[in-house]
Structures are given as structure tokens and as C-alpha cells.
Amino acid sequence: QKGKDETRTKKKLVYSVQCKNCDLKYIGETNRDKQTRMREHNNDIKKSKQTSLIAQHPNMNNHMMDLDYAETLTPESTWKRRVIKESILTHQSKGLVINETKYKLKVFG
């Protein structure tokens, strides 16, 4: 379909999801295809799942996450490299992300 993110069905990637109501975004990684992961996030939001940071933000602030246009930041087939890339991107976006750095790297101090 025209207008849809062409990288939507790719697997093994780091992605970001923008909040539609503010400047915050969520950065995550997945081994599954992106469309499946977005459906899981959508279900977490609908169920107000408190263990999901991407669900907490819209439910606590009455905001909406733009799951239809999640951006692929980088493909990465290796899990450890994917988590490191996610952590670096999260750290670089400090103050503009919902989530925290998963993988504490010594370069962060």
C-alpha cells in the first residue's frame, strides 16, 4: 500500500515509535517482524499493561502512540548488537524517550 512504511514487515531491528501528542518517543528492538511487535504494543496499551513502558505513557497521559508509522532505526540480526544499538540510541535521545537504557555500557559513565 502506498504511504505505508515499506520496512514494516522486516525482522530483527531497532525501531522508534513517536507519541502523537508530545515530543516523546519509545525506542525498542525486536526479533519478530515489526507489524507483529506493533500489534503486541497496541494490545499492551489497550490492556493498560503496567509493565510496558510504551503502554504506560499513553495511559497515564491520555496520549496516543503512532504505531502505524513506527520507524526502523537500524536492522541488526544479532541480539546483543541489537540491544547495544537500542541502548546507544536511547542514551543519545535522553530526555526525549519514554524508555530507559536496557544495556548499561561503560561509555555512558
N, C-alpha and C. Protein backbone atom coordinates (compact mmCIF):
# COMPACT_ATOMS: atom_id res chain seq x y z
N GLN A 1 0.83 -1.19 0.00
CA GLN A 1 0.00 0.00 0.00
C GLN A 1 0.87 1.25 0.00
N LYS A 2 0.44 2.23 -0.74
CA LYS A 2 1.17 3.49 -0.77
C LYS A 2 1.02 4.21 0.56
N GLY A 3 2.09 4.87 0.96
CA GLY A 3 2.04 5.63 2.20
C GLY A 3 2.40 4.84 3.43
N LYS A 4 2.40 3.53 3.35
CA LYS A 4 2.77 2.70 4.49
C LYS A 4 4.28 2.57 4.53
N ASP A 5 4.82 2.38 5.72
CA ASP A 5 6.25 2.20 5.91
C ASP A 5 6.68 0.91 5.23
N GLU A 6 7.56 1.00 4.24
CA GLU A 6 7.97 -0.17 3.47
C GLU A 6 8.80 -1.15 4.28
N THR A 7 9.40 -0.70 5.38
CA THR A 7 10.21 -1.60 6.21
C THR A 7 9.37 -2.24 7.31
N ARG A 8 8.07 -2.10 7.23
CA ARG A 8 7.14 -2.55 8.27
C ARG A 8 7.26 -4.03 8.60
N THR A 9 7.50 -4.88 7.62
CA THR A 9 7.50 -6.32 7.88
C THR A 9 8.89 -6.88 8.12
N LYS A 10 9.89 -6.05 8.14
CA LYS A 10 11.24 -6.54 8.38
C LYS A 10 11.38 -7.03 9.81
N LYS A 11 12.30 -7.97 9.98
CA LYS A 11 12.56 -8.55 11.30
C LYS A 11 13.94 -8.12 11.78
N LYS A 12 14.19 -8.39 13.06
CA LYS A 12 15.49 -8.16 13.67
C LYS A 12 15.96 -6.73 13.46
N LEU A 13 15.34 -5.81 14.22
CA LEU A 13 15.64 -4.40 14.03
C LEU A 13 15.45 -3.60 15.31
N VAL A 14 15.97 -2.39 15.28
CA VAL A 14 15.73 -1.40 16.32
C VAL A 14 14.77 -0.39 15.72
N TYR A 15 13.76 0.01 16.48
CA TYR A 15 12.71 0.88 15.95
C TYR A 15 12.36 1.97 16.95
N SER A 16 11.67 2.98 16.47
CA SER A 16 11.14 4.01 17.37
C SER A 16 9.67 4.25 17.04
N VAL A 17 8.92 4.60 18.08
CA VAL A 17 7.51 4.93 17.94
C VAL A 17 7.30 6.30 18.59
N GLN A 18 6.80 7.23 17.82
CA GLN A 18 6.59 8.60 18.28
C GLN A 18 5.23 8.73 18.96
N CYS A 19 5.17 9.52 20.01
CA CYS A 19 3.89 9.89 20.61
C CYS A 19 3.24 10.92 19.70
N LYS A 20 1.94 10.78 19.46
CA LYS A 20 1.21 11.72 18.60
C LYS A 20 0.92 13.05 19.30
N ASN A 21 1.04 13.07 20.64
CA ASN A 21 0.63 14.25 21.40
C ASN A 21 1.76 15.05 22.02
N CYS A 22 2.97 14.52 21.99
CA CYS A 22 4.11 15.24 22.57
C CYS A 22 5.39 14.81 21.84
N ASP A 23 6.52 15.30 22.29
CA ASP A 23 7.79 15.02 21.61
C ASP A 23 8.45 13.72 22.04
N LEU A 24 7.85 13.00 22.99
CA LEU A 24 8.47 11.76 23.46
C LEU A 24 8.30 10.63 22.45
N LYS A 25 9.26 9.71 22.49
CA LYS A 25 9.18 8.52 21.63
C LYS A 25 9.66 7.32 22.43
N TYR A 26 9.36 6.16 21.92
CA TYR A 26 9.79 4.90 22.50
C TYR A 26 10.77 4.26 21.54
N ILE A 27 11.91 3.80 22.03
CA ILE A 27 12.88 3.08 21.21
C ILE A 27 12.92 1.64 21.71
N GLY A 28 12.76 0.70 20.78
CA GLY A 28 12.75 -0.71 21.14
C GLY A 28 13.49 -1.55 20.12
N GLU A 29 13.61 -2.82 20.43
CA GLU A 29 14.21 -3.76 19.49
C GLU A 29 13.34 -5.00 19.44
N THR A 30 13.38 -5.68 18.31
CA THR A 30 12.60 -6.90 18.17
C THR A 30 13.27 -7.89 17.24
N ASN A 31 13.03 -9.14 17.52
CA ASN A 31 13.48 -10.24 16.66
C ASN A 31 12.37 -10.59 15.67
N ARG A 32 11.13 -10.27 16.05
CA ARG A 32 9.97 -10.59 15.21
C ARG A 32 9.75 -9.48 14.19
N ASP A 33 8.78 -9.70 13.29
CA ASP A 33 8.55 -8.62 12.32
C ASP A 33 7.89 -7.44 13.02
N LYS A 34 8.13 -6.28 12.48
CA LYS A 34 7.71 -5.04 13.13
C LYS A 34 6.20 -4.95 13.29
N GLN A 35 5.46 -5.42 12.30
CA GLN A 35 4.00 -5.36 12.38
C GLN A 35 3.49 -6.18 13.56
N THR A 36 4.06 -7.35 13.78
CA THR A 36 3.68 -8.19 14.92
C THR A 36 3.99 -7.47 16.23
N ARG A 37 5.17 -6.85 16.32
CA ARG A 37 5.56 -6.15 17.54
C ARG A 37 4.65 -4.95 17.81
N MET A 38 4.23 -4.26 16.76
CA MET A 38 3.33 -3.12 16.94
C MET A 38 1.96 -3.59 17.43
N ARG A 39 1.50 -4.74 16.93
CA ARG A 39 0.24 -5.32 17.42
C ARG A 39 0.35 -5.64 18.91
N GLU A 40 1.50 -6.20 19.32
CA GLU A 40 1.70 -6.50 20.74
C GLU A 40 1.68 -5.23 21.57
N HIS A 41 2.35 -4.19 21.10
CA HIS A 41 2.32 -2.91 21.82
C HIS A 41 0.89 -2.37 21.89
N ASN A 42 0.15 -2.45 20.81
CA ASN A 42 -1.23 -1.98 20.79
C ASN A 42 -2.08 -2.73 21.82
N ASN A 43 -1.89 -4.04 21.91
CA ASN A 43 -2.62 -4.84 22.91
C ASN A 43 -2.23 -4.42 24.32
N ASP A 44 -0.94 -4.16 24.55
CA ASP A 44 -0.48 -3.71 25.87
C ASP A 44 -1.13 -2.38 26.25
N ILE A 45 -1.24 -1.48 25.27
CA ILE A 45 -1.86 -0.17 25.51
C ILE A 45 -3.34 -0.34 25.84
N LYS A 46 -4.04 -1.17 25.06
CA LYS A 46 -5.48 -1.39 25.29
C LYS A 46 -5.73 -2.00 26.67
N LYS A 47 -4.82 -2.89 27.11
CA LYS A 47 -4.98 -3.57 28.40
C LYS A 47 -4.37 -2.77 29.55
N SER A 48 -3.83 -1.59 29.26
CA SER A 48 -3.17 -0.74 30.27
C SER A 48 -2.10 -1.52 31.03
N LYS A 49 -1.32 -2.29 30.30
CA LYS A 49 -0.29 -3.14 30.91
C LYS A 49 0.77 -2.27 31.59
N GLN A 50 0.86 -2.36 32.90
CA GLN A 50 1.76 -1.51 33.68
C GLN A 50 3.23 -1.88 33.55
N THR A 51 3.53 -3.09 33.10
CA THR A 51 4.93 -3.49 32.93
C THR A 51 5.49 -3.05 31.58
N SER A 52 4.66 -2.45 30.75
CA SER A 52 5.07 -1.99 29.43
C SER A 52 5.19 -0.47 29.42
N LEU A 53 6.41 0.04 29.24
CA LEU A 53 6.61 1.50 29.22
C LEU A 53 5.89 2.17 28.07
N ILE A 54 5.80 1.48 26.93
CA ILE A 54 5.10 2.07 25.79
C ILE A 54 3.60 2.14 26.05
N ALA A 55 3.09 1.33 26.96
CA ALA A 55 1.67 1.38 27.34
C ALA A 55 1.44 2.38 28.47
N GLN A 56 2.40 2.54 29.35
CA GLN A 56 2.24 3.46 30.48
C GLN A 56 2.07 4.91 30.02
N HIS A 57 2.88 5.33 29.07
CA HIS A 57 2.84 6.73 28.64
C HIS A 57 1.46 7.15 28.13
N PRO A 58 0.88 6.45 27.16
CA PRO A 58 -0.45 6.89 26.69
C PRO A 58 -1.53 6.74 27.75
N ASN A 59 -1.44 5.72 28.59
CA ASN A 59 -2.48 5.50 29.58
C ASN A 59 -2.40 6.51 30.73
N MET A 60 -1.21 6.93 31.11
CA MET A 60 -1.06 7.89 32.20
C MET A 60 -1.29 9.33 31.74
N ASN A 61 -1.07 9.60 30.45
CA ASN A 61 -1.14 10.97 29.95
C ASN A 61 -2.28 11.20 28.96
N ASN A 62 -3.08 10.17 28.71
CA ASN A 62 -4.16 10.25 27.72
C ASN A 62 -3.60 10.66 26.35
N HIS A 63 -2.47 10.06 25.98
CA HIS A 63 -1.82 10.30 24.69
C HIS A 63 -1.99 9.08 23.79
N MET A 64 -1.56 9.21 22.54
CA MET A 64 -1.61 8.09 21.59
C MET A 64 -0.23 7.90 20.97
N MET A 65 0.19 6.65 20.86
CA MET A 65 1.45 6.32 20.20
C MET A 65 1.16 6.06 18.72
N ASP A 66 2.04 6.49 17.85
CA ASP A 66 1.85 6.36 16.40
C ASP A 66 2.40 5.01 15.92
N LEU A 67 1.71 3.95 16.29
CA LEU A 67 2.16 2.58 15.98
C LEU A 67 2.12 2.26 14.49
N ASP A 68 1.27 2.95 13.74
CA ASP A 68 1.17 2.69 12.30
C ASP A 68 2.41 3.15 11.54
N TYR A 69 3.14 4.08 12.11
CA TYR A 69 4.31 4.62 11.42
C TYR A 69 5.57 4.51 12.26
N ALA A 70 5.76 3.34 12.89
CA ALA A 70 6.99 3.08 13.63
C ALA A 70 8.16 3.13 12.65
N GLU A 71 9.22 3.80 13.07
CA GLU A 71 10.38 3.98 12.20
C GLU A 71 11.44 2.93 12.49
N THR A 72 11.94 2.29 11.44
CA THR A 72 13.07 1.39 11.60
C THR A 72 14.33 2.25 11.69
N LEU A 73 15.02 2.15 12.82
CA LEU A 73 16.24 2.94 13.01
C LEU A 73 17.45 2.23 12.44
N THR A 74 17.51 0.92 12.65
CA THR A 74 18.62 0.14 12.12
C THR A 74 18.28 -1.35 12.14
N PRO A 75 18.57 -2.06 11.07
CA PRO A 75 18.42 -3.51 11.11
C PRO A 75 19.63 -4.11 11.83
N GLU A 76 19.43 -5.22 12.53
CA GLU A 76 20.54 -5.90 13.19
C GLU A 76 20.13 -7.33 13.51
N SER A 77 20.82 -8.28 12.92
CA SER A 77 20.45 -9.69 13.09
C SER A 77 20.90 -10.28 14.41
N THR A 78 21.96 -9.75 15.01
CA THR A 78 22.49 -10.29 16.26
C THR A 78 21.82 -9.62 17.45
N TRP A 79 21.27 -10.44 18.38
CA TRP A 79 20.53 -9.90 19.52
C TRP A 79 21.37 -8.93 20.34
N LYS A 80 22.57 -9.31 20.72
CA LYS A 80 23.39 -8.47 21.59
C LYS A 80 23.71 -7.13 20.91
N ARG A 81 24.04 -7.16 19.63
CA ARG A 81 24.30 -5.91 18.90
C ARG A 81 23.04 -5.06 18.81
N ARG A 82 21.89 -5.72 18.65
CA ARG A 82 20.62 -5.00 18.57
C ARG A 82 20.34 -4.27 19.89
N VAL A 83 20.56 -4.96 21.01
CA VAL A 83 20.31 -4.36 22.32
C VAL A 83 21.31 -3.22 22.59
N ILE A 84 22.55 -3.40 22.16
CA ILE A 84 23.55 -2.33 22.32
C ILE A 84 23.16 -1.12 21.48
N LYS A 85 22.74 -1.34 20.24
CA LYS A 85 22.31 -0.23 19.38
C LYS A 85 21.09 0.47 19.97
N GLU A 86 20.15 -0.32 20.49
CA GLU A 86 18.97 0.26 21.13
C GLU A 86 19.38 1.13 22.32
N SER A 87 20.33 0.65 23.11
CA SER A 87 20.81 1.39 24.28
C SER A 87 21.51 2.67 23.89
N ILE A 88 22.34 2.61 22.85
CA ILE A 88 23.05 3.81 22.39
C ILE A 88 22.04 4.85 21.89
N LEU A 89 21.09 4.42 21.08
CA LEU A 89 20.08 5.34 20.54
C LEU A 89 19.20 5.93 21.65
N THR A 90 18.88 5.11 22.65
CA THR A 90 18.10 5.58 23.79
C THR A 90 18.90 6.62 24.57
N HIS A 91 20.17 6.32 24.81
CA HIS A 91 21.04 7.25 25.55
C HIS A 91 21.20 8.57 24.80
N GLN A 92 21.37 8.50 23.49
CA GLN A 92 21.53 9.72 22.68
C GLN A 92 20.26 10.58 22.68
N SER A 93 19.12 9.94 22.90
CA SER A 93 17.84 10.66 22.89
C SER A 93 17.35 10.99 24.30
N LYS A 94 18.24 10.92 25.27
CA LYS A 94 17.88 11.14 26.67
C LYS A 94 17.02 12.39 26.83
N GLY A 95 15.94 12.26 27.56
CA GLY A 95 15.01 13.36 27.76
C GLY A 95 13.89 13.38 26.74
N LEU A 96 14.06 12.65 25.65
CA LEU A 96 13.02 12.58 24.62
C LEU A 96 12.46 11.18 24.44
N VAL A 97 12.86 10.26 25.33
CA VAL A 97 12.40 8.88 25.21
C VAL A 97 11.62 8.46 26.45
N ILE A 98 10.68 7.56 26.24
CA ILE A 98 9.86 7.02 27.31
C ILE A 98 10.65 5.99 28.11
N ASN A 99 11.42 5.18 27.38
CA ASN A 99 12.10 4.06 28.00
C ASN A 99 13.48 4.44 28.53
N GLU A 100 14.04 3.51 29.32
CA GLU A 100 15.38 3.69 29.88
C GLU A 100 16.36 2.80 29.11
N THR A 101 17.64 3.09 29.26
CA THR A 101 18.67 2.29 28.62
C THR A 101 18.66 0.90 29.23
N LYS A 102 18.51 -0.13 28.38
CA LYS A 102 18.48 -1.52 28.86
C LYS A 102 19.86 -2.04 29.20
N TYR A 103 20.79 -1.75 28.34
CA TYR A 103 22.12 -2.33 28.42
C TYR A 103 23.08 -1.25 28.87
N LYS A 104 23.50 -1.31 30.12
CA LYS A 104 24.38 -0.27 30.67
C LYS A 104 25.79 -0.45 30.12
N LEU A 105 26.23 0.52 29.33
CA LEU A 105 27.56 0.48 28.73
C LEU A 105 28.49 1.40 29.52
N LYS A 106 29.73 0.99 29.68
CA LYS A 106 30.69 1.80 30.43
C LYS A 106 30.92 3.17 29.80
N VAL A 107 30.72 3.27 28.49
CA VAL A 107 30.92 4.56 27.81
C VAL A 107 29.89 5.60 28.26
N PHE A 108 28.79 5.18 28.89
CA PHE A 108 27.76 6.11 29.35
C PHE A 108 28.17 6.79 30.65
N GLY A 109 29.14 6.22 31.36
CA GLY A 109 29.62 6.81 32.61
C GLY A 109 28.81 6.43 33.80
